[in-house]
Protein backbone atom coordinates (compact mmCIF):
# COMPACT_ATOMS: atom_id res chain seq x y z
CA MET A 1 58.81 89.71 105.07
CA LYS A 2 57.72 92.17 102.41
CA LYS A 3 59.61 94.83 104.31
CA GLN A 4 62.86 92.81 104.27
CA TYR A 5 62.59 92.14 100.60
CA PHE A 6 62.01 95.86 99.91
CA HIS A 7 65.26 96.69 101.80
CA ARG A 8 67.30 94.13 99.90
CA ALA A 9 65.95 95.42 96.49
CA PHE A 10 66.65 99.03 97.55
CA TRP A 11 70.23 98.37 98.49
CA LYS A 12 70.87 96.34 95.35
CA LYS A 13 69.47 99.18 93.27
CA LEU A 14 71.57 101.71 95.19
CA LYS A 15 74.69 99.66 94.75
CA THR A 16 74.07 99.36 90.99
CA ILE A 17 73.63 103.18 90.75
CA GLY A 18 76.79 103.64 92.87
CA PHE A 19 78.89 101.50 90.53
CA SER A 20 77.40 103.30 87.52
CA ILE A 21 78.33 106.71 89.15
CA LEU A 22 81.82 105.35 89.96
CA ILE A 23 82.37 104.26 86.45
CA HIS A 24 81.18 107.50 84.93
CA THR A 25 83.29 109.40 87.45
CA THR A 26 86.27 107.38 86.41
CA ASP A 27 85.60 108.08 82.82
CA ILE A 28 85.21 111.83 83.52
CA LEU A 29 88.56 111.77 85.51
CA GLU A 30 90.36 110.05 82.67
CA SER A 31 88.94 112.48 80.22
CA ILE A 32 90.15 115.24 82.41
CA GLY A 33 93.52 113.68 82.71
CA ASP A 34 93.77 113.21 78.88
CA ALA A 35 92.78 116.82 78.40
CA LEU A 36 95.44 118.04 80.91
CA GLU A 37 98.11 115.87 79.26
CA GLN A 38 97.08 117.18 75.80
CA ALA A 39 97.15 120.80 77.22
CA ALA A 40 100.66 120.14 78.57
CA ASP A 41 101.83 118.84 75.18
CA THR A 42 100.27 121.82 73.52
CA LEU A 43 102.11 124.12 75.87
CA LYS A 44 105.35 122.23 75.07
CA GLU A 45 104.64 122.60 71.30
CA LYS A 46 104.36 126.35 71.83
CA ASP A 47 108.00 126.47 72.89
CA HIS A 48 109.30 127.54 69.49
CA ARG A 49 112.80 128.27 70.78
CA PHE A 50 115.60 127.16 68.42
CA LYS A 51 117.96 124.76 70.05
CA ALA A 52 120.91 124.17 67.64
CA ARG A 53 124.14 123.44 69.40
CA PHE A 54 127.54 121.85 69.02
CA ASP A 55 128.41 118.33 70.37
CA GLN A 56 131.73 117.61 72.06
CA PRO A 57 134.45 116.20 69.78
CA GLN A 58 135.02 113.07 71.90
CA LYS A 59 131.42 111.89 71.12
CA LEU A 60 132.45 111.23 67.51
CA ALA A 61 136.19 110.77 67.45
CA ASP A 62 139.04 110.17 69.97
CA ARG A 63 142.59 109.05 70.10
CA SER A 64 141.57 105.39 70.41
CA GLY A 65 139.63 105.36 67.19
CA LYS A 66 140.66 102.66 64.69
CA SER A 67 140.35 104.50 61.42
CA PHE A 68 140.60 107.91 59.63
CA SER A 69 141.84 111.12 61.14
CA VAL A 70 139.45 114.07 61.21
CA SER A 71 141.56 116.47 63.23
CA GLY A 72 145.08 115.13 63.17
CA ASP A 73 144.86 113.48 66.62
CA ARG A 74 141.31 112.31 66.77
CA PHE A 75 140.22 109.25 64.81
CA LEU A 76 136.88 107.71 63.75
CA SER A 77 135.83 104.32 65.00
CA LEU A 78 135.91 101.54 62.46
CA ASP A 79 132.12 101.31 62.26
CA ARG A 80 131.86 105.07 61.61
CA ALA A 81 134.53 104.98 59.07
CA ARG A 82 132.89 102.10 57.14
CA MET A 83 130.09 104.72 56.30
CA ASN A 84 132.73 106.86 54.51
CA THR A 85 134.31 110.19 55.06
CA LEU A 86 134.51 113.25 52.83
CA VAL A 87 137.15 115.95 53.46
CA ILE A 88 136.30 119.31 51.76
CA ALA A 89 139.20 121.81 51.98
CA PRO A 90 140.51 124.47 49.56
CA SER A 91 144.04 124.33 48.43
CA GLY A 92 146.61 125.30 51.15
CA SER A 93 144.20 124.68 54.05
CA GLY A 94 146.21 121.76 55.50
CA LYS A 95 143.98 118.87 54.76
CA THR A 96 146.91 116.58 53.90
CA GLN A 97 148.71 117.39 57.17
CA VAL A 98 145.55 117.09 59.24
CA CYS A 99 143.72 114.17 57.62
CA VAL A 100 145.91 112.17 55.31
CA PHE A 101 149.31 112.01 57.05
CA PRO A 102 147.87 111.09 60.34
CA SER A 103 145.49 108.54 58.81
CA ILE A 104 148.32 106.70 57.10
CA TYR A 105 150.48 106.62 60.24
CA HIS A 106 147.54 105.64 62.45
CA LEU A 107 146.46 102.77 60.21
CA ALA A 108 150.05 101.61 59.88
CA MET A 109 150.39 101.42 63.66
CA GLN A 110 147.44 99.04 63.70
CA GLY A 111 148.51 96.95 60.70
CA SER A 112 145.50 97.86 58.57
CA SER A 113 145.66 97.45 54.88
CA MET A 114 145.21 100.58 52.78
CA VAL A 115 145.10 101.91 49.16
CA VAL A 116 146.46 105.46 48.86
CA ASN A 117 146.07 107.74 45.88
CA ASP A 118 149.37 109.73 45.86
CA ASN A 119 149.18 112.61 43.38
CA SER A 120 152.26 114.43 44.40
CA GLY A 121 154.51 111.59 45.47
CA GLU A 122 154.94 112.91 49.07
CA LEU A 123 152.70 110.16 50.56
CA SER A 124 155.05 107.48 49.12
CA ARG A 125 157.65 108.71 51.59
CA PHE A 126 155.86 106.55 54.20
CA ILE A 127 156.81 103.43 52.18
CA PRO A 128 160.12 102.79 53.96
CA PHE A 129 158.38 103.17 57.45
CA LEU A 130 155.64 100.81 56.29
CA LYS A 131 158.24 98.22 55.15
CA ARG A 132 159.80 98.30 58.51
CA LYS A 133 156.42 97.68 60.01
CA GLY A 134 156.21 94.50 57.98
CA TYR A 135 154.01 95.75 55.20
CA GLN A 136 153.94 94.33 51.66
CA ILE A 137 154.12 97.36 49.32
CA LEU A 138 152.38 97.50 45.92
CA LEU A 139 153.44 100.57 44.00
CA ILE A 140 151.65 101.48 40.73
CA ASP A 141 153.48 104.49 39.26
CA PHE A 142 151.75 105.77 36.21
CA THR A 143 154.62 107.94 35.31
CA PHE A 144 157.37 105.48 36.11
CA SER A 145 159.59 107.95 37.92
CA GLY A 146 161.82 105.90 40.20
CA ALA A 147 159.48 102.90 39.83
CA ARG A 148 161.96 100.23 40.89
CA ASP A 149 159.21 98.34 42.82
CA SER A 150 156.29 99.08 40.51
CA VAL A 151 153.81 96.41 39.77
CA PHE A 152 152.07 96.01 36.44
CA PHE A 153 148.30 96.65 36.09
CA ASN A 154 146.39 95.34 33.05
CA PRO A 155 142.75 96.63 32.91
CA LEU A 156 141.67 93.69 30.77
CA ALA A 157 143.30 90.95 32.98
CA ARG A 158 140.19 90.48 35.17
CA ILE A 159 137.52 90.52 32.37
CA LYS A 160 135.67 87.29 32.35
CA THR A 161 132.24 88.07 30.75
CA LYS A 162 130.86 90.20 28.02
CA ALA A 163 129.31 92.38 30.81
CA ASP A 164 132.79 92.96 32.20
CA ALA A 165 133.98 93.98 28.69
CA ALA A 166 130.96 96.34 28.27
CA LYS A 167 131.71 98.05 31.61
CA CYS A 168 135.34 98.54 30.68
CA ALA A 169 134.34 99.91 27.33
CA GLY A 170 131.92 102.38 29.06
CA ILE A 171 134.65 103.69 31.28
CA LEU A 172 137.02 104.20 28.39
CA VAL A 173 134.48 106.16 26.32
CA ARG A 174 133.03 108.32 29.03
CA SER A 175 136.24 109.12 30.79
CA THR A 176 137.77 110.66 27.69
CA MET A 177 134.86 112.94 27.36
CA GLY A 178 135.71 114.88 30.38
CA GLY A 179 132.68 116.78 31.87
CA GLU A 180 130.55 115.86 28.80
CA GLY A 181 130.69 112.10 29.70
CA LYS A 182 127.75 112.33 32.12
CA ASP A 183 125.51 114.01 29.57
CA ALA A 184 126.76 111.98 26.66
CA LYS A 185 125.75 108.71 28.26
CA GLY A 186 123.09 107.14 25.99
CA SER A 187 123.78 109.22 22.93
CA PHE A 188 124.03 107.33 19.56
CA PHE A 189 127.74 107.58 18.97
CA THR A 190 128.58 107.01 22.63
CA THR A 191 126.51 103.86 22.65
CA LYS A 192 127.87 102.52 19.33
CA SER A 193 131.55 103.26 20.14
CA GLU A 194 131.04 101.36 23.52
CA GLU A 195 129.56 98.44 21.72
CA LEU A 196 132.45 98.31 19.21
CA LEU A 197 134.90 98.41 22.06
CA THR A 198 133.00 95.64 23.77
CA VAL A 199 133.25 93.49 20.75
CA PHE A 200 137.05 93.98 20.38
CA ILE A 201 137.77 93.48 24.02
CA TYR A 202 135.70 90.37 24.36
CA PHE A 203 137.35 89.05 21.14
CA LEU A 204 140.76 89.45 22.57
CA ILE A 205 139.65 87.73 25.72
CA THR A 206 137.92 84.83 24.19
CA CYS A 207 139.77 84.17 20.92
CA CYS A 208 143.35 85.30 21.56
CA HIS A 209 146.32 84.16 23.60
CA PRO A 210 146.54 85.99 27.03
CA MET A 211 149.71 87.80 25.86
CA TYR A 212 147.42 89.80 23.48
CA HIS A 213 145.00 90.69 26.30
CA ASN A 214 145.97 94.43 26.72
CA LEU A 215 145.14 97.92 25.64
CA ALA A 216 147.94 98.11 23.09
CA ASN A 217 146.34 95.32 21.08
CA LEU A 218 142.88 96.89 21.48
CA LEU A 219 144.27 100.14 19.96
CA LEU A 220 145.88 98.08 17.08
CA LEU A 221 142.47 96.59 16.12
CA LEU A 222 140.83 100.06 16.04
CA GLU A 223 143.60 101.58 14.06
CA GLU A 224 143.57 98.78 11.51
CA LEU A 225 139.83 98.90 11.32
CA GLN A 226 140.08 102.58 10.29
CA ALA A 227 142.94 101.87 7.74
CA ASN A 228 142.18 98.37 6.46
CA PRO A 229 138.77 97.12 7.53
CA GLN A 230 138.95 93.94 5.37
CA LYS A 231 141.78 92.63 7.63
CA VAL A 232 139.85 93.12 10.74
CA GLU A 233 136.74 91.61 9.19
CA HIS A 234 138.68 88.50 8.33
CA LEU A 235 140.11 88.32 11.75
CA LEU A 236 136.73 88.79 13.52
CA SER A 237 135.23 86.03 11.30
CA ARG A 238 136.78 83.60 13.75
CA ALA A 239 134.82 85.05 16.68
CA PRO A 240 131.68 83.34 18.06
CA GLU A 241 128.62 83.86 15.96
CA ASP A 242 126.93 86.32 18.37
CA LEU A 243 130.11 88.44 18.50
CA TRP A 244 130.50 88.32 14.73
CA ARG A 245 126.75 89.27 14.32
CA THR A 246 127.04 92.19 16.68
CA TYR A 247 130.24 93.41 14.83
CA MET A 248 128.65 93.29 11.44
CA SER A 249 125.53 95.14 12.63
CA LEU A 250 127.64 97.97 14.00
CA LEU A 251 129.51 98.36 10.66
CA GLY A 252 126.36 97.96 8.45
CA SER A 253 125.55 101.65 8.82
CA SER A 254 126.37 104.27 6.22
CA GLU A 255 130.05 105.02 5.53
CA ASN A 256 129.91 108.37 7.41
CA THR A 257 128.21 106.77 10.48
CA ARG A 258 130.59 103.94 10.47
CA THR A 259 133.58 106.30 10.28
CA SER A 260 132.27 108.33 13.16
CA ILE A 261 131.66 105.30 15.32
CA VAL A 262 135.17 104.05 14.68
CA ALA A 263 136.71 107.47 15.29
CA SER A 264 134.85 107.78 18.63
CA ALA A 265 136.09 104.36 19.82
CA GLN A 266 139.58 105.15 18.60
CA ALA A 267 139.60 108.45 20.48
CA ALA A 268 138.70 106.65 23.76
CA ILE A 269 141.88 104.49 23.55
CA SER A 270 144.27 106.76 21.54
CA TRP A 271 146.03 107.88 24.79
CA ILE A 272 147.62 104.49 25.29
CA GLY A 273 149.22 104.74 21.79
CA ASN A 274 150.80 108.09 22.61
CA ASP A 275 152.62 106.78 25.65
CA PRO A 276 154.94 103.77 25.51
CA GLN A 277 155.34 103.97 29.29
CA LEU A 278 151.67 103.26 29.74
CA GLN A 279 151.70 100.55 27.12
CA TYR A 280 154.46 98.91 29.14
CA LEU A 281 152.70 99.31 32.53
CA THR A 282 149.45 97.88 31.24
CA HIS A 283 150.72 95.10 28.93
CA THR A 284 150.52 92.40 31.70
CA ASP A 285 149.30 92.20 35.33
CA THR A 286 151.11 91.30 38.47
CA LEU A 287 148.71 93.03 40.97
CA ASN A 288 147.29 90.78 43.64
CA PHE A 289 144.26 92.44 45.19
CA ASP A 290 143.73 89.53 47.61
CA ALA A 291 146.90 90.42 49.46
CA LEU A 292 145.01 93.46 50.93
CA ARG A 293 142.42 91.28 52.63
CA ASN A 294 144.82 88.58 53.99
CA GLY A 295 147.80 90.63 55.33
CA LYS A 296 149.40 93.99 56.00
CA THR A 297 149.45 95.41 52.50
CA ALA A 298 149.63 98.95 51.20
CA VAL A 299 148.93 100.05 47.63
CA PHE A 300 150.17 103.39 46.47
CA VAL A 301 148.85 104.75 43.24
CA ARG A 302 151.04 107.63 41.85
CA LEU A 303 148.86 109.81 39.63
CA PRO A 304 150.62 113.12 39.11
CA ILE A 305 148.19 116.03 39.48
CA LYS A 306 149.85 118.17 36.77
CA ASP A 307 148.89 115.42 34.23
CA ALA A 308 145.69 114.33 36.05
CA GLU A 309 143.42 114.61 33.02
CA TYR A 310 145.87 112.54 30.94
CA TYR A 311 145.90 109.65 33.42
CA THR A 312 142.16 109.83 34.48
CA VAL A 313 141.20 106.80 32.31
CA VAL A 314 143.76 104.36 33.51
CA ALA A 315 143.36 105.52 37.13
CA GLY A 316 139.56 105.03 36.87
CA LEU A 317 140.09 101.58 35.37
CA PHE A 318 142.32 100.66 38.32
CA PHE A 319 139.85 101.66 41.02
CA ASN A 320 136.86 100.18 39.09
CA ASN A 321 138.90 96.94 38.95
CA LEU A 322 139.55 97.12 42.65
CA PHE A 323 135.89 97.78 43.64
CA GLY A 324 134.69 95.13 41.22
CA HIS A 325 137.05 92.49 42.73
CA PHE A 326 136.18 93.11 46.29
CA PHE A 327 132.37 93.43 45.60
CA GLN A 328 132.25 89.83 44.56
CA VAL A 329 132.33 88.22 47.94
CA ILE A 330 131.45 89.65 51.43
CA PRO A 331 134.68 89.36 53.53
CA GLU A 332 134.94 86.92 56.47
CA LYS A 333 135.38 88.24 59.96
CA SER A 334 139.02 87.12 60.02
CA GLN A 335 139.83 89.22 56.93
CA GLN A 336 140.88 92.87 57.12
CA ASP A 337 139.10 96.06 56.14
CA ILE A 338 140.76 97.82 53.34
CA HIS A 339 140.94 101.59 53.89
CA LEU A 340 140.94 103.74 50.75
CA ILE A 341 142.44 107.24 51.03
CA LEU A 342 141.56 109.08 47.81
CA GLU A 343 143.59 112.22 47.95
CA GLU A 344 142.67 114.74 45.22
CA PHE A 345 139.71 112.49 44.31
CA SER A 346 138.49 114.96 41.69
CA THR A 347 141.37 114.09 39.41
CA PHE A 348 139.76 110.76 38.48
CA ALA A 349 136.23 111.12 39.75
CA ALA A 350 134.82 111.18 36.24
CA ALA A 351 136.25 107.80 35.48
CA LEU A 352 134.21 106.22 38.31
CA PRO A 353 130.68 106.67 36.74
CA ASP A 354 129.04 104.34 39.30
CA PHE A 355 130.66 105.84 42.38
CA SER A 356 127.33 106.59 44.25
CA ASN A 357 126.56 102.82 44.02
CA THR A 358 130.05 102.02 45.25
CA LEU A 359 129.62 104.18 48.23
CA ALA A 360 126.25 102.78 49.10
CA ASN A 361 127.65 99.26 49.15
CA SER A 362 131.25 99.76 50.47
CA ARG A 363 130.14 99.31 54.12
CA LYS A 364 128.84 95.84 53.45
CA TYR A 365 132.20 94.86 51.92
CA ARG A 366 134.21 96.59 54.50
CA LEU A 367 135.91 99.11 52.32
CA PRO A 368 136.01 102.40 54.29
CA ILE A 369 136.62 105.41 51.91
CA MET A 370 138.00 108.76 52.68
CA ALA A 371 137.84 111.14 49.75
CA VAL A 372 139.54 114.53 49.65
CA ILE A 373 138.25 117.31 47.41
CA GLN A 374 138.71 121.03 47.19
CA SER A 375 135.06 121.97 46.81
CA GLY A 376 131.70 120.24 46.41
CA GLN A 377 131.49 121.85 42.93
CA GLN A 378 134.11 119.36 41.77
CA LEU A 379 131.70 116.57 42.32
CA VAL A 380 129.05 118.41 40.44
CA GLN A 381 131.40 118.88 37.50
CA ALA A 382 132.23 115.11 37.43
CA TYR A 383 128.70 113.73 38.06
CA GLY A 384 126.09 116.43 37.53
CA GLN A 385 123.99 118.18 40.22
CA PHE A 386 121.69 115.24 41.14
CA ASP A 387 124.38 112.48 41.44
CA ALA A 388 126.74 114.85 43.16
CA LYS A 389 124.09 115.29 45.98
CA THR A 390 123.56 111.54 46.17
CA ILE A 391 127.34 110.94 46.52
CA GLN A 392 127.67 113.58 49.28
CA SER A 393 124.76 112.03 51.19
CA ASN A 394 126.52 108.68 51.07
CA PHE A 395 129.46 110.15 53.00
CA ASN A 396 128.27 109.80 56.54
CA THR A 397 131.05 111.98 57.97
CA LYS A 398 132.11 115.31 56.35
CA VAL A 399 135.01 117.44 57.43
CA TYR A 400 135.03 121.10 56.41
CA PHE A 401 138.03 123.31 56.58
CA SER A 402 138.09 127.19 56.66
CA GLY A 403 138.18 129.20 53.44
CA LEU A 404 135.23 127.53 51.66
CA THR A 405 132.70 129.75 49.84
CA GLU A 406 129.64 128.03 48.48
CA GLU A 407 129.79 125.29 51.21
CA ALA A 408 129.84 128.14 53.92
CA GLU A 409 126.40 129.34 52.74
CA HIS A 410 125.00 125.86 52.58
CA LEU A 411 126.41 125.01 56.02
CA GLU A 412 124.90 128.24 57.59
CA ARG A 413 121.44 126.85 56.62
CA ILE A 414 121.84 123.25 57.81
CA LEU A 415 123.59 124.04 61.06
CA GLY A 416 120.38 125.66 62.24
CA LYS A 417 119.60 128.40 64.76
CA TYR A 418 119.48 128.79 68.50
CA SER A 419 117.46 131.17 70.80
CA TYR A 420 119.04 133.24 73.55
CA LYS A 421 118.43 136.12 75.87
CA ALA A 422 120.64 139.10 75.47
CA ASP A 423 119.56 140.17 78.93
CA PRO A 424 118.42 137.83 81.72
CA ASP A 425 115.61 140.12 82.46
CA ASP A 426 114.20 140.06 78.88
CA LYS A 427 110.94 138.31 78.42
CA HIS A 428 111.49 137.56 74.78
CA PHE A 429 114.18 135.50 73.10
CA SER A 430 116.45 136.53 70.24
CA THR A 431 117.58 134.12 67.56
CA ARG A 432 120.71 133.66 65.49
CA GLN A 433 122.51 131.10 63.25
CA LEU A 434 124.72 128.67 65.05
CA MET A 435 127.34 129.84 62.68
CA THR A 436 126.89 132.35 59.89
CA SER A 437 128.55 131.82 56.52
CA ASP A 438 131.19 134.48 57.38
CA GLU A 439 132.11 132.69 60.51
CA ILE A 440 132.42 129.42 58.79
CA ARG A 441 134.50 130.86 55.95
CA ASN A 442 136.77 132.67 58.39
CA MET A 443 137.21 129.87 60.92
CA PRO A 444 140.73 129.79 62.45
CA LYS A 445 142.98 127.57 60.25
CA ASP A 446 143.47 125.19 63.26
CA THR A 447 139.67 124.52 63.38
CA VAL A 448 137.48 122.24 61.42
CA LEU A 449 133.78 121.72 61.28
CA VAL A 450 132.58 118.07 61.31
CA LEU A 451 129.13 116.82 60.43
CA SER A 452 128.18 113.22 61.05
CA SER A 453 124.77 111.59 61.14
CA SER A 454 123.11 111.20 64.63
CA PHE A 455 125.39 113.92 66.07
CA ASN A 456 125.17 117.61 66.43
CA PRO A 457 127.76 119.65 64.51
CA ILE A 458 131.23 119.46 66.10
CA LYS A 459 134.00 122.06 66.00
CA MET A 460 137.52 120.50 66.58
CA LYS A 461 140.87 121.95 67.04
CA THR A 462 143.36 120.37 64.66
CA LYS A 463 146.89 119.03 65.22
CA PRO A 464 148.65 118.81 61.87
CA ALA A 465 151.30 116.13 61.36
CA TYR A 466 154.28 118.58 61.40
CA ARG A 467 153.43 119.21 65.11
CA GLN A 468 153.58 115.38 65.81
CA PRO A 469 157.22 114.18 65.92
CA LEU A 470 156.30 110.50 65.59
CA ILE A 471 154.46 111.00 62.30
CA MET A 472 157.27 113.18 60.86
CA GLN A 473 159.83 110.62 61.91
CA ALA A 474 157.80 107.96 60.07
CA TRP A 475 157.44 110.19 57.04
CA ASN A 476 161.20 110.81 56.96
CA THR A 477 162.25 107.19 57.38
CA THR A 478 164.77 106.21 54.70
CA ASP A 479 164.75 102.84 52.88
CA GLU A 480 167.34 100.37 54.11
CA ASP A 481 168.37 99.75 50.50
CA GLY A 482 169.01 103.52 49.98
CA GLU A 483 167.36 105.91 47.56
CA CYS A 484 165.61 104.30 44.59
CA PRO A 485 167.44 105.12 41.33
CA GLU A 486 165.71 106.86 38.60
CA GLN A 487 165.08 103.92 36.44
CA GLY A 488 162.07 104.83 34.48
CA TYR A 489 160.73 101.96 32.32
CA THR A 490 162.62 99.34 30.27
CA PRO A 491 161.56 99.40 26.65
CA ILE A 492 160.31 96.09 25.41
CA ASP A 493 158.55 94.81 22.28
CA ILE A 494 154.97 94.23 23.38
CA PRO A 495 153.47 91.18 21.57
CA LEU A 496 151.02 92.48 18.96
CA LEU A 497 148.38 90.58 17.13
CA ASP A 498 149.10 89.11 13.64
CA LEU A 499 146.27 90.54 11.82
CA SER A 500 146.45 87.89 9.22
CA GLY A 501 144.99 85.64 11.98
CA LYS A 502 147.66 82.96 11.60
CA ASP A 503 148.68 82.90 15.28
CA ILE A 504 146.21 84.82 17.38
CA ARG A 505 146.24 81.98 19.95
CA GLY A 506 150.04 82.09 20.37
CA THR A 507 150.61 78.54 19.38
CA SER A 508 153.99 79.23 17.64
CA GLU A 509 155.17 81.08 20.71
CA GLU A 510 154.27 78.20 22.94
CA GLN A 511 156.02 75.73 20.66
């Protein structure tokens, strides 16, 4: 009996020891496995070869894409285009033929709405073709050369609140400062002149008849303030108390300070007084932005490049009005995307002080933007070094043409390096840049370099519009009504405020 009990206890003990050994063995094996796996990872980490490479063009863009052209015959998808596209190409490199012409034609074939900045007037030659495709054309011609179909644009027409007035005033002041506008923001005279313009703009909107809501009357108030301040003070006494109080605090400074504030504000709007054509174009508003969402509509903005600095302010006001209008409500699925083709963007970039925020939000509101510039330095000049970098980073796709200088050196660094064996029998790898700055600068003229997030760099062969008969046929389409006559503008007497204050609400006019 004792012997039997001893055997049972012995086998039980042995089984326990066996299980313990098995568990420890398992732990040891797992530790060995972990060590081997870690060693393998370590060996992998020691593979320090550079692996930069190009992706195939069709990964990013193809002929079935629904949006912007990046090579003349390859187009971005709508989702990719909504993250914005920047074309950087020196003068004479063919950017208009490769990116702009094909984009307009391709969008037209799909019935997409678009806004096109047309500096030279050559893009407007697509208008007859677009009309035949059923488009509503809204032409804004800031020079009024042959502007038979031009619409009117009044920058004050969409101002509803004091904040709207302040934003308009800020654009007016900083745009007229050129490259100094960015640095001047926040300075005493800049701030005070913006406040004075805000008071006058909001006074016109809230206290005067709509026929007086325009830049011509804003200039009249400023000129009269400089010449006869008592008249303006009497007129402003009819304003709401908070507006009156702000006005009096602005002019309560010393005479020299007051004169400087008024002079700064007057300089910001003086350009409208020197140009009766612009007074005429901006004295009322017939521009319907909503047409872009709800049907096939194309807006062409003619901003001559030879007078670009002169028209910077009014162009900036137009695009700020456009973005402000569409940023109010997220579009419904049934509504169209609105493609913006900003040819020679640098000509009015300084008048869009909040452009980095615009780019960051344009995707949400389905406003794909393609901006065309000659060099990254143009963005630096308009926005400063920091904001220029932010703006470039908000363009998801960038298209670089040959002939660039500073960009070539920057691209050499970001393209990366790759490792290779000059001889298969070599044990060691050599390394080189994927492309050197010289190779980028001297790329063939029919080649572009495209960078887009989540893709390796892509080199694409281009096919300019002049080698695509259908695009050139569309560009050369003539208007069924014949050529537009050189009409210019029709001089009219723009209603100006009665500074005595007798009829600022237009009651006699209505009677």
